[in-house]
Amino acid sequence: MNQASKPSLVKYQLVRVITLLCYFTLLAMMLFGAVFLGPEGIAAKLVLWLLISSGLLLIIKGLIAGKRRSYIWLCYILLMYFVFCVQFLFSGGGNGESTAAWHEIVAMTAIVISFCTAIIASRLTPIN
């Protein structure tokens, strides 16, 4: 390994960790929303979480493996979640529940950071 590629590999590993951390934070926020803000019954909460997070769950295997296409697809998928979060935040936050508002603020932060780091990771992904 030459000296020029070593800093690039370190940068890639850093943005990969940040991307995965934000990705799983977003999945956890969706689970939190389904459990605490969703319907009654464990089966209904599980189905709601699977429906909400299905877009993200499609690419989990490739994202963990560090595939370039998975980073690119993550960016496209995150755009959909970004639109929903912006709509929720600008609508006043629903029923005035502060828990729901903080849930969406954390989710929006995870989306924005994950989007930016996924773009960088897709550019820095080492070619095998």
C-alpha atoms as a PDB file:
ATOM      1  CA  MET A   1       0.000   0.000   0.000  1.00  0.00           C
ATOM      2  CA  ASN A   2       1.479   3.323  -1.003  1.00  0.00           C
ATOM      3  CA  GLN A   3       1.518   6.440   1.153  1.00  0.00           C
ATOM      4  CA  ALA A   4      -1.037   8.317  -1.003  1.00  0.00           C
ATOM      5  CA  SER A   5      -3.792   5.757  -0.463  1.00  0.00           C
ATOM      6  CA  LYS A   6      -3.267   5.404   3.296  1.00  0.00           C
ATOM      7  CA  PRO A   7      -4.878   8.760   4.272  1.00  0.00           C
ATOM      8  CA  SER A   8      -7.724   8.024   1.883  1.00  0.00           C
ATOM      9  CA  LEU A   9      -8.314   4.651   3.547  1.00  0.00           C
ATOM     10  CA  VAL A  10      -8.339   6.271   6.997  1.00  0.00           C
ATOM     11  CA  LYS A  11     -10.874   8.861   5.776  1.00  0.00           C
ATOM     12  CA  TYR A  12     -13.000   6.097   4.266  1.00  0.00           C
ATOM     13  CA  GLN A  13     -13.013   4.109   7.509  1.00  0.00           C
ATOM     14  CA  LEU A  14     -13.999   7.213   9.477  1.00  0.00           C
ATOM     15  CA  VAL A  15     -16.926   8.157   7.212  1.00  0.00           C
ATOM     16  CA  ARG A  16     -17.976   4.500   7.019  1.00  0.00           C
ATOM     17  CA  VAL A  17     -18.241   4.304  10.811  1.00  0.00           C
ATOM     18  CA  ILE A  18     -20.162   7.587  10.966  1.00  0.00           C
ATOM     19  CA  THR A  19     -22.506   6.449   8.181  1.00  0.00           C
ATOM     20  CA  LEU A  20     -23.238   3.140   9.900  1.00  0.00           C
ATOM     21  CA  LEU A  21     -23.707   4.846  13.259  1.00  0.00           C
ATOM     22  CA  CYS A  22     -26.240   7.288  11.792  1.00  0.00           C
ATOM     23  CA  TYR A  23     -27.904   4.483   9.803  1.00  0.00           C
ATOM     24  CA  PHE A  24     -28.523   2.407  12.921  1.00  0.00           C
ATOM     25  CA  THR A  25     -29.525   5.521  14.871  1.00  0.00           C
ATOM     26  CA  LEU A  26     -32.187   6.176  12.255  1.00  0.00           C
ATOM     27  CA  LEU A  27     -33.419   2.576  12.498  1.00  0.00           C
ATOM     28  CA  ALA A  28     -33.518   2.913  16.287  1.00  0.00           C
ATOM     29  CA  MET A  29     -35.497   6.175  16.045  1.00  0.00           C
ATOM     30  CA  MET A  30     -37.989   4.453  13.775  1.00  0.00           C
ATOM     31  CA  LEU A  31     -38.297   1.609  16.272  1.00  0.00           C
ATOM     32  CA  PHE A  32     -38.745   4.120  19.104  1.00  0.00           C
ATOM     33  CA  GLY A  33     -41.474   5.907  17.148  1.00  0.00           C
ATOM     34  CA  ALA A  34     -43.271   2.666  16.363  1.00  0.00           C
ATOM     35  CA  VAL A  35     -43.117   1.401  19.947  1.00  0.00           C
ATOM     36  CA  PHE A  36     -43.878   4.559  21.919  1.00  0.00           C
ATOM     37  CA  LEU A  37     -45.862   6.634  19.418  1.00  0.00           C
ATOM     38  CA  GLY A  38     -47.475   3.836  17.395  1.00  0.00           C
ATOM     39  CA  PRO A  39     -50.601   1.720  17.734  1.00  0.00           C
ATOM     40  CA  GLU A  40     -51.485  -0.691  20.546  1.00  0.00           C
ATOM     41  CA  GLY A  41     -50.268  -4.286  20.388  1.00  0.00           C
ATOM     42  CA  ILE A  42     -46.783  -5.654  19.807  1.00  0.00           C
ATOM     43  CA  ALA A  43     -47.652  -7.179  16.420  1.00  0.00           C
ATOM     44  CA  ALA A  44     -49.008  -3.861  15.126  1.00  0.00           C
ATOM     45  CA  LYS A  45     -45.902  -2.041  16.355  1.00  0.00           C
ATOM     46  CA  LEU A  46     -43.599  -4.567  14.677  1.00  0.00           C
ATOM     47  CA  VAL A  47     -45.496  -4.389  11.383  1.00  0.00           C
ATOM     48  CA  LEU A  48     -45.426  -0.575  11.517  1.00  0.00           C
ATOM     49  CA  TRP A  49     -41.669  -0.571  12.141  1.00  0.00           C
ATOM     50  CA  LEU A  50     -41.075  -3.008   9.277  1.00  0.00           C
ATOM     51  CA  LEU A  51     -43.142  -0.853   6.926  1.00  0.00           C
ATOM     52  CA  ILE A  52     -41.452   2.374   7.969  1.00  0.00           C
ATOM     53  CA  SER A  53     -37.918   1.000   7.838  1.00  0.00           C
ATOM     54  CA  SER A  54     -38.293  -1.312   4.826  1.00  0.00           C
ATOM     55  CA  GLY A  55     -36.408   1.085   2.554  1.00  0.00           C
ATOM     56  CA  LEU A  56     -33.410   1.094   4.848  1.00  0.00           C
ATOM     57  CA  LEU A  57     -33.539  -2.633   5.509  1.00  0.00           C
ATOM     58  CA  LEU A  58     -33.192  -3.390   1.789  1.00  0.00           C
ATOM     59  CA  ILE A  59     -29.564  -2.294   1.732  1.00  0.00           C
ATOM     60  CA  ILE A  60     -28.356  -3.386   5.172  1.00  0.00           C
ATOM     61  CA  LYS A  61     -26.281  -6.311   3.886  1.00  0.00           C
ATOM     62  CA  GLY A  62     -24.432  -4.266   1.276  1.00  0.00           C
ATOM     63  CA  LEU A  63     -23.952  -1.347   3.625  1.00  0.00           C
ATOM     64  CA  ILE A  64     -22.333  -3.516   6.280  1.00  0.00           C
ATOM     65  CA  ALA A  65     -20.125  -5.065   3.587  1.00  0.00           C
ATOM     66  CA  GLY A  66     -19.089  -1.574   2.439  1.00  0.00           C
ATOM     67  CA  LYS A  67     -20.383  -1.812  -1.131  1.00  0.00           C
ATOM     68  CA  ARG A  68     -20.228   1.384  -3.170  1.00  0.00           C
ATOM     69  CA  ARG A  69     -23.696   0.866  -4.662  1.00  0.00           C
ATOM     70  CA  SER A  70     -25.217   0.501  -1.216  1.00  0.00           C
ATOM     71  CA  TYR A  71     -23.872   3.912  -0.211  1.00  0.00           C
ATOM     72  CA  ILE A  72     -25.356   5.413  -3.371  1.00  0.00           C
ATOM     73  CA  TRP A  73     -28.716   3.727  -2.787  1.00  0.00           C
ATOM     74  CA  LEU A  74     -28.665   4.877   0.825  1.00  0.00           C
ATOM     75  CA  CYS A  75     -28.474   8.471  -0.382  1.00  0.00           C
ATOM     76  CA  TYR A  76     -31.508   7.986  -2.640  1.00  0.00           C
ATOM     77  CA  ILE A  77     -33.500   6.271   0.102  1.00  0.00           C
ATOM     78  CA  LEU A  78     -32.604   8.929   2.653  1.00  0.00           C
ATOM     79  CA  LEU A  79     -34.109  11.599   0.398  1.00  0.00           C
ATOM     80  CA  MET A  80     -37.546  10.048   0.942  1.00  0.00           C
ATOM     81  CA  TYR A  81     -37.111  10.004   4.719  1.00  0.00           C
ATOM     82  CA  PHE A  82     -35.805  13.580   4.603  1.00  0.00           C
ATOM     83  CA  VAL A  83     -38.996  14.762   2.901  1.00  0.00           C
ATOM     84  CA  PHE A  84     -41.187  13.074   5.525  1.00  0.00           C
ATOM     85  CA  CYS A  85     -39.170  14.528   8.420  1.00  0.00           C
ATOM     86  CA  VAL A  86     -39.231  18.041   6.959  1.00  0.00           C
ATOM     87  CA  GLN A  87     -42.980  17.799   6.405  1.00  0.00           C
ATOM     88  CA  PHE A  88     -43.513  16.672  10.002  1.00  0.00           C
ATOM     89  CA  LEU A  89     -41.275  19.348  11.495  1.00  0.00           C
ATOM     90  CA  PHE A  90     -42.793  22.190   9.481  1.00  0.00           C
ATOM     91  CA  SER A  91     -46.351  21.054  10.167  1.00  0.00           C
ATOM     92  CA  GLY A  92     -45.939  21.855  13.842  1.00  0.00           C
ATOM     93  CA  GLY A  93     -45.021  18.407  15.089  1.00  0.00           C
ATOM     94  CA  GLY A  94     -48.381  16.668  15.243  1.00  0.00           C
ATOM     95  CA  ASN A  95     -50.311  16.749  18.513  1.00  0.00           C
ATOM     96  CA  GLY A  96     -47.875  19.037  20.252  1.00  0.00           C
ATOM     97  CA  GLU A  97     -46.031  16.143  21.860  1.00  0.00           C
ATOM     98  CA  SER A  98     -42.483  17.152  22.645  1.00  0.00           C
ATOM     99  CA  THR A  99     -41.376  13.492  22.490  1.00  0.00           C
ATOM    100  CA  ALA A 100     -42.491  13.258  18.871  1.00  0.00           C
ATOM    101  CA  ALA A 101     -40.738  16.515  18.008  1.00  0.00           C
ATOM    102  CA  TRP A 102     -37.441  15.411  19.590  1.00  0.00           C
ATOM    103  CA  HIS A 103     -37.796  12.046  17.870  1.00  0.00           C
ATOM    104  CA  GLU A 104     -38.032  13.799  14.499  1.00  0.00           C
ATOM    105  CA  ILE A 105     -35.165  16.196  15.265  1.00  0.00           C
ATOM    106  CA  VAL A 106     -32.849  13.290  16.112  1.00  0.00           C
ATOM    107  CA  ALA A 107     -34.023  11.420  13.006  1.00  0.00           C
ATOM    108  CA  MET A 108     -33.439  14.501  10.818  1.00  0.00           C
ATOM    109  CA  THR A 109     -29.936  14.925  12.218  1.00  0.00           C
ATOM    110  CA  ALA A 110     -29.150  11.268  11.540  1.00  0.00           C
ATOM    111  CA  ILE A 111     -30.522  11.568   7.996  1.00  0.00           C
ATOM    112  CA  VAL A 112     -28.480  14.650   7.114  1.00  0.00           C
ATOM    113  CA  ILE A 113     -25.235  13.341   8.594  1.00  0.00           C
ATOM    114  CA  SER A 114     -25.750   9.904   7.059  1.00  0.00           C
ATOM    115  CA  PHE A 115     -26.475  11.422   3.652  1.00  0.00           C
ATOM    116  CA  CYS A 116     -23.314  13.544   3.690  1.00  0.00           C
ATOM    117  CA  THR A 117     -21.052  10.773   4.928  1.00  0.00           C
ATOM    118  CA  ALA A 118     -22.559   8.213   2.530  1.00  0.00           C
ATOM    119  CA  ILE A 119     -21.714  10.504  -0.383  1.00  0.00           C
ATOM    120  CA  ILE A 120     -18.132  10.785   0.825  1.00  0.00           C
ATOM    121  CA  ALA A 121     -17.908   7.044   1.514  1.00  0.00           C
ATOM    122  CA  SER A 122     -19.169   6.209  -1.972  1.00  0.00           C
ATOM    123  CA  ARG A 123     -16.352   8.299  -3.438  1.00  0.00           C
ATOM    124  CA  LEU A 124     -13.645   6.906  -1.152  1.00  0.00           C
ATOM    125  CA  THR A 125     -14.671   3.225  -1.253  1.00  0.00           C
ATOM    126  CA  PRO A 126     -11.591   1.193  -2.138  1.00  0.00           C
ATOM    127  CA  ILE A 127     -11.889  -0.800  -5.336  1.00  0.00           C
ATOM    128  CA  ASN A 128     -11.375  -4.491  -4.663  1.00  0.00           C
END
